Amino acid sequence: MVTRRLKVARIGNSRGVRLPAASLRRYHIGESVEMEELTEGILLRPSGPVVEKLSWDQTASEMAARTEDWGPWDDALADGLESIPWEDDAKTRVAERATTSRKKPSSRKSR
C-alpha cells in the first residue's frame, strides 16, 4: 500500500481532499464514494459494484514496482519445508505424531 499525504482544502463552508487521478482510475471511482468512519480512520470506497480484483500477473507486476524490502522473508527459506514429503501418504503425517499408547488396565479391585 502506498501512503500519500493529501492537502485538506476549503470548499465553501466544508473541507475536502483531492484524490489523485491514478487512484480514481485504479479504483474506478466516478461521481461519488462511500465513506465509512472506523476507529483507525476514514475508509473511502467506490460507490456501486465491488472493485474487480487484480489477476496474479497484475499483482506480481504491482509488487515488483514497489520499493518494499522483502529481506525479512528470506528467513523463511531455512524453515525446512522443501524436505517435507508433500505426496499424499496416509502412513505419515507431518502435523500428527503416531499413536503408540495402549489402554491402561483398570486399577479397581473386583469384588
N, C-alpha and C. Protein backbone atom coordinates (compact mmCIF):
# COMPACT_ATOMS: atom_id res chain seq x y z
N MET A 1 0.82 -1.18 0.00
CA MET A 1 0.00 0.00 0.00
C MET A 1 0.87 1.24 0.00
N VAL A 2 0.44 2.20 -0.76
CA VAL A 2 1.15 3.46 -0.84
C VAL A 2 0.49 4.45 0.10
N THR A 3 1.28 5.17 0.87
CA THR A 3 0.75 6.20 1.75
C THR A 3 1.03 7.55 1.13
N ARG A 4 0.00 8.36 1.02
CA ARG A 4 0.15 9.71 0.46
C ARG A 4 -0.42 10.71 1.43
N ARG A 5 0.20 11.86 1.49
CA ARG A 5 -0.32 12.95 2.31
C ARG A 5 -1.10 13.87 1.36
N LEU A 6 -2.38 14.05 1.66
CA LEU A 6 -3.25 14.89 0.84
C LEU A 6 -3.57 16.17 1.60
N LYS A 7 -3.64 17.26 0.87
CA LYS A 7 -3.94 18.56 1.46
C LYS A 7 -5.44 18.71 1.62
N VAL A 8 -5.84 19.19 2.79
CA VAL A 8 -7.25 19.47 3.05
C VAL A 8 -7.53 20.89 2.56
N ALA A 9 -8.48 21.02 1.64
CA ALA A 9 -8.80 22.31 1.02
C ALA A 9 -10.17 22.78 1.48
N ARG A 10 -10.34 24.10 1.52
CA ARG A 10 -11.63 24.68 1.86
C ARG A 10 -12.53 24.61 0.63
N ILE A 11 -13.75 24.08 0.83
CA ILE A 11 -14.74 24.00 -0.24
C ILE A 11 -16.03 24.59 0.34
N GLY A 12 -16.25 25.87 0.12
CA GLY A 12 -17.41 26.55 0.73
C GLY A 12 -17.25 26.55 2.23
N ASN A 13 -18.29 26.09 2.96
CA ASN A 13 -18.21 26.01 4.41
C ASN A 13 -17.65 24.66 4.88
N SER A 14 -17.32 23.81 3.94
CA SER A 14 -16.80 22.48 4.27
C SER A 14 -15.32 22.39 3.96
N ARG A 15 -14.77 21.23 4.10
CA ARG A 15 -13.39 20.94 3.73
C ARG A 15 -13.40 19.65 2.92
N GLY A 16 -12.37 19.48 2.10
CA GLY A 16 -12.29 18.28 1.29
C GLY A 16 -10.86 18.01 0.86
N VAL A 17 -10.65 16.83 0.29
CA VAL A 17 -9.35 16.46 -0.25
C VAL A 17 -9.51 16.11 -1.71
N ARG A 18 -8.46 16.28 -2.47
CA ARG A 18 -8.45 15.90 -3.88
C ARG A 18 -7.73 14.57 -3.99
N LEU A 19 -8.37 13.64 -4.66
CA LEU A 19 -7.76 12.32 -4.84
C LEU A 19 -6.98 12.30 -6.15
N PRO A 20 -5.80 11.68 -6.17
CA PRO A 20 -5.00 11.62 -7.40
C PRO A 20 -5.76 10.89 -8.51
N ALA A 21 -5.58 11.34 -9.74
CA ALA A 21 -6.27 10.77 -10.90
C ALA A 21 -5.94 9.28 -11.04
N ALA A 22 -4.71 8.89 -10.79
CA ALA A 22 -4.33 7.48 -10.92
C ALA A 22 -5.13 6.61 -9.94
N SER A 23 -5.36 7.10 -8.72
CA SER A 23 -6.15 6.36 -7.73
C SER A 23 -7.61 6.27 -8.17
N LEU A 24 -8.12 7.35 -8.72
CA LEU A 24 -9.51 7.34 -9.21
C LEU A 24 -9.68 6.30 -10.31
N ARG A 25 -8.71 6.23 -11.21
CA ARG A 25 -8.78 5.23 -12.29
C ARG A 25 -8.65 3.81 -11.75
N ARG A 26 -7.68 3.62 -10.88
CA ARG A 26 -7.41 2.28 -10.37
C ARG A 26 -8.61 1.69 -9.64
N TYR A 27 -9.30 2.51 -8.84
CA TYR A 27 -10.42 2.02 -8.05
C TYR A 27 -11.77 2.31 -8.70
N HIS A 28 -11.75 2.75 -9.95
CA HIS A 28 -12.97 3.00 -10.73
C HIS A 28 -13.93 3.92 -9.97
N ILE A 29 -13.40 5.02 -9.46
CA ILE A 29 -14.22 5.99 -8.74
C ILE A 29 -14.77 6.99 -9.73
N GLY A 30 -16.08 7.12 -9.73
CA GLY A 30 -16.76 8.03 -10.64
C GLY A 30 -17.20 9.30 -9.93
N GLU A 31 -18.51 9.49 -9.87
CA GLU A 31 -19.08 10.71 -9.31
C GLU A 31 -19.16 10.72 -7.79
N SER A 32 -19.13 9.56 -7.16
CA SER A 32 -19.30 9.54 -5.70
C SER A 32 -18.50 8.40 -5.08
N VAL A 33 -18.27 8.52 -3.77
CA VAL A 33 -17.62 7.47 -2.98
C VAL A 33 -18.45 7.23 -1.73
N GLU A 34 -18.28 6.08 -1.12
CA GLU A 34 -18.90 5.79 0.16
C GLU A 34 -17.84 5.98 1.23
N MET A 35 -18.21 6.67 2.32
CA MET A 35 -17.28 6.92 3.40
C MET A 35 -17.71 6.12 4.62
N GLU A 36 -16.75 5.43 5.22
CA GLU A 36 -17.01 4.67 6.44
C GLU A 36 -16.06 5.17 7.52
N GLU A 37 -16.62 5.54 8.66
CA GLU A 37 -15.80 6.01 9.78
C GLU A 37 -15.44 4.83 10.66
N LEU A 38 -14.15 4.55 10.79
CA LEU A 38 -13.64 3.44 11.59
C LEU A 38 -12.83 4.00 12.75
N THR A 39 -12.49 3.17 13.71
CA THR A 39 -11.67 3.64 14.83
C THR A 39 -10.27 4.01 14.35
N GLU A 40 -9.78 3.33 13.28
CA GLU A 40 -8.44 3.60 12.76
C GLU A 40 -8.40 4.83 11.86
N GLY A 41 -9.54 5.25 11.34
CA GLY A 41 -9.57 6.38 10.43
C GLY A 41 -10.77 6.31 9.51
N ILE A 42 -10.68 6.99 8.40
CA ILE A 42 -11.77 7.06 7.43
C ILE A 42 -11.44 6.15 6.25
N LEU A 43 -12.42 5.37 5.82
CA LEU A 43 -12.27 4.50 4.66
C LEU A 43 -13.17 5.02 3.54
N LEU A 44 -12.57 5.29 2.39
CA LEU A 44 -13.34 5.68 1.21
C LEU A 44 -13.38 4.51 0.26
N ARG A 45 -14.57 4.21 -0.26
CA ARG A 45 -14.67 3.12 -1.23
C ARG A 45 -15.61 3.56 -2.34
N PRO A 46 -15.37 3.02 -3.55
CA PRO A 46 -16.21 3.41 -4.69
C PRO A 46 -17.67 3.03 -4.45
N SER A 47 -18.57 3.85 -4.95
CA SER A 47 -19.99 3.51 -4.91
C SER A 47 -20.26 2.50 -6.01
N GLY A 48 -21.23 1.65 -5.77
CA GLY A 48 -21.60 0.70 -6.81
C GLY A 48 -20.96 -0.65 -6.59
N PRO A 49 -20.73 -1.38 -7.70
CA PRO A 49 -20.21 -2.75 -7.58
C PRO A 49 -18.79 -2.77 -7.03
N VAL A 50 -18.45 -3.91 -6.45
CA VAL A 50 -17.12 -4.09 -5.85
C VAL A 50 -16.05 -4.00 -6.93
N VAL A 51 -14.91 -3.43 -6.56
CA VAL A 51 -13.80 -3.28 -7.49
C VAL A 51 -13.28 -4.66 -7.88
N GLU A 52 -13.03 -4.85 -9.16
CA GLU A 52 -12.50 -6.12 -9.65
C GLU A 52 -11.12 -6.36 -9.07
N LYS A 53 -10.87 -7.58 -8.61
CA LYS A 53 -9.58 -7.90 -8.02
C LYS A 53 -8.52 -8.07 -9.11
N LEU A 54 -7.27 -7.85 -8.72
CA LEU A 54 -6.16 -7.99 -9.66
C LEU A 54 -5.90 -9.46 -9.95
N SER A 55 -5.44 -9.73 -11.17
CA SER A 55 -5.03 -11.09 -11.52
C SER A 55 -3.66 -11.35 -10.87
N TRP A 56 -3.19 -12.60 -10.94
CA TRP A 56 -1.87 -12.92 -10.39
C TRP A 56 -0.78 -12.12 -11.10
N ASP A 57 -0.89 -11.99 -12.43
CA ASP A 57 0.11 -11.23 -13.19
C ASP A 57 0.11 -9.76 -12.78
N GLN A 58 -1.09 -9.18 -12.62
CA GLN A 58 -1.18 -7.78 -12.21
C GLN A 58 -0.64 -7.59 -10.80
N THR A 59 -0.94 -8.53 -9.93
CA THR A 59 -0.45 -8.46 -8.55
C THR A 59 1.08 -8.52 -8.52
N ALA A 60 1.65 -9.46 -9.28
CA ALA A 60 3.12 -9.59 -9.33
C ALA A 60 3.75 -8.33 -9.90
N SER A 61 3.14 -7.75 -10.93
CA SER A 61 3.66 -6.52 -11.53
C SER A 61 3.63 -5.38 -10.53
N GLU A 62 2.54 -5.24 -9.79
CA GLU A 62 2.45 -4.17 -8.80
C GLU A 62 3.44 -4.37 -7.66
N MET A 63 3.63 -5.63 -7.23
CA MET A 63 4.60 -5.90 -6.17
C MET A 63 6.01 -5.58 -6.64
N ALA A 64 6.32 -5.90 -7.89
CA ALA A 64 7.66 -5.64 -8.42
C ALA A 64 7.92 -4.14 -8.53
N ALA A 65 6.86 -3.36 -8.77
CA ALA A 65 7.02 -1.91 -8.93
C ALA A 65 7.23 -1.22 -7.59
N ARG A 66 6.88 -1.86 -6.50
CA ARG A 66 7.03 -1.26 -5.17
C ARG A 66 8.49 -1.34 -4.72
N THR A 67 8.84 -0.48 -3.81
CA THR A 67 10.21 -0.47 -3.29
C THR A 67 10.25 -1.06 -1.88
N GLU A 68 9.39 -2.05 -1.61
CA GLU A 68 9.35 -2.67 -0.30
C GLU A 68 10.56 -3.59 -0.10
N ASP A 69 10.98 -3.70 1.14
CA ASP A 69 12.08 -4.59 1.49
C ASP A 69 11.51 -5.94 1.89
N TRP A 70 11.76 -6.97 1.09
CA TRP A 70 11.27 -8.32 1.37
C TRP A 70 12.34 -9.16 2.04
N GLY A 71 13.43 -8.54 2.49
CA GLY A 71 14.54 -9.24 3.13
C GLY A 71 14.14 -10.11 4.30
N PRO A 72 13.27 -9.63 5.21
CA PRO A 72 12.91 -10.48 6.35
C PRO A 72 12.26 -11.80 5.94
N TRP A 73 11.66 -11.85 4.76
CA TRP A 73 11.03 -13.09 4.31
C TRP A 73 12.06 -14.14 3.91
N ASP A 74 13.31 -13.71 3.67
CA ASP A 74 14.36 -14.66 3.32
C ASP A 74 14.61 -15.67 4.44
N ASP A 75 14.28 -15.30 5.67
CA ASP A 75 14.45 -16.23 6.79
C ASP A 75 13.58 -17.48 6.61
N ALA A 76 12.50 -17.35 5.88
CA ALA A 76 11.60 -18.49 5.67
C ALA A 76 12.23 -19.55 4.78
N LEU A 77 13.30 -19.20 4.07
CA LEU A 77 13.96 -20.18 3.21
C LEU A 77 14.60 -21.30 4.01
N ALA A 78 14.92 -21.04 5.27
CA ALA A 78 15.60 -22.04 6.10
C ALA A 78 14.62 -22.80 6.99
N ASP A 79 13.34 -22.78 6.68
CA ASP A 79 12.37 -23.43 7.55
C ASP A 79 12.24 -24.93 7.31
N GLY A 80 12.90 -25.46 6.26
CA GLY A 80 12.90 -26.89 6.02
C GLY A 80 11.70 -27.43 5.27
N LEU A 81 10.86 -26.57 4.74
CA LEU A 81 9.67 -27.04 4.03
C LEU A 81 9.99 -27.88 2.80
N GLU A 82 11.15 -27.63 2.19
CA GLU A 82 11.48 -28.41 0.99
C GLU A 82 11.78 -29.87 1.31
N SER A 83 12.06 -30.19 2.57
CA SER A 83 12.36 -31.58 2.94
C SER A 83 11.11 -32.37 3.35
N ILE A 84 9.97 -31.73 3.41
CA ILE A 84 8.73 -32.41 3.81
C ILE A 84 8.15 -33.13 2.60
N PRO A 85 7.81 -34.41 2.75
CA PRO A 85 7.19 -35.12 1.61
C PRO A 85 5.75 -34.64 1.43
N TRP A 86 5.47 -34.04 0.29
CA TRP A 86 4.15 -33.45 0.06
C TRP A 86 3.19 -34.42 -0.63
N GLU A 87 3.65 -35.61 -0.97
CA GLU A 87 2.75 -36.58 -1.58
C GLU A 87 1.75 -37.05 -0.53
N ASP A 88 0.59 -37.48 -0.97
CA ASP A 88 -0.43 -37.94 -0.04
C ASP A 88 -0.09 -39.35 0.42
N ASP A 89 0.49 -39.46 1.57
CA ASP A 89 0.88 -40.74 2.15
C ASP A 89 0.13 -40.89 3.47
N ALA A 90 -0.81 -41.79 3.51
CA ALA A 90 -1.65 -41.95 4.69
C ALA A 90 -0.86 -42.44 5.90
N LYS A 91 0.29 -43.06 5.70
CA LYS A 91 1.05 -43.61 6.82
C LYS A 91 1.78 -42.52 7.61
N THR A 92 2.27 -41.49 6.93
CA THR A 92 3.00 -40.44 7.62
C THR A 92 2.26 -39.11 7.48
N ARG A 93 2.12 -38.45 8.59
CA ARG A 93 1.50 -37.14 8.59
C ARG A 93 2.46 -36.18 9.27
N VAL A 94 2.59 -35.00 8.70
CA VAL A 94 3.56 -34.04 9.20
C VAL A 94 3.15 -33.49 10.56
N ALA A 95 1.87 -33.16 10.74
CA ALA A 95 1.45 -32.46 11.95
C ALA A 95 0.98 -33.38 13.07
N GLU A 96 0.98 -34.69 12.85
CA GLU A 96 0.49 -35.59 13.87
C GLU A 96 1.55 -36.62 14.25
N ARG A 97 1.60 -36.94 15.50
CA ARG A 97 2.50 -37.99 15.95
C ARG A 97 1.80 -39.33 15.84
N ALA A 98 2.56 -40.35 15.61
CA ALA A 98 1.99 -41.69 15.58
C ALA A 98 1.56 -42.06 16.98
N THR A 99 0.40 -42.67 17.11
CA THR A 99 -0.08 -43.04 18.45
C THR A 99 0.46 -44.40 18.82
N THR A 100 1.09 -44.48 19.97
CA THR A 100 1.65 -45.75 20.47
C THR A 100 1.09 -46.07 21.83
N SER A 101 0.10 -45.32 22.27
CA SER A 101 -0.44 -45.54 23.61
C SER A 101 -1.39 -46.73 23.61
N ARG A 102 -1.40 -47.43 24.74
CA ARG A 102 -2.31 -48.55 24.93
C ARG A 102 -3.23 -48.22 26.09
N LYS A 103 -4.37 -48.84 26.10
CA LYS A 103 -5.30 -48.61 27.17
C LYS A 103 -4.73 -49.21 28.45
N LYS A 104 -4.69 -48.42 29.50
CA LYS A 104 -4.15 -48.87 30.78
C LYS A 104 -5.18 -49.77 31.47
N PRO A 105 -4.71 -50.79 32.13
CA PRO A 105 -5.66 -51.64 32.86
C PRO A 105 -6.24 -50.87 34.03
N SER A 106 -7.44 -51.20 34.37
CA SER A 106 -8.12 -50.52 35.47
C SER A 106 -7.47 -50.89 36.79
N SER A 107 -7.34 -49.95 37.70
CA SER A 107 -6.73 -50.22 38.99
C SER A 107 -7.75 -50.60 40.04
N ARG A 108 -9.00 -50.73 39.65
CA ARG A 108 -10.05 -51.13 40.57
C ARG A 108 -9.95 -52.60 40.92
N LYS A 109 -10.23 -52.91 42.13
CA LYS A 109 -10.27 -54.32 42.55
C LYS A 109 -11.68 -54.85 42.31
N SER A 110 -11.77 -56.02 41.78
CA SER A 110 -13.10 -56.59 41.56
C SER A 110 -13.61 -57.20 42.85
N ARG A 111 -14.90 -57.12 43.09
CA ARG A 111 -15.47 -57.62 44.35
C ARG A 111 -16.11 -58.92 44.18
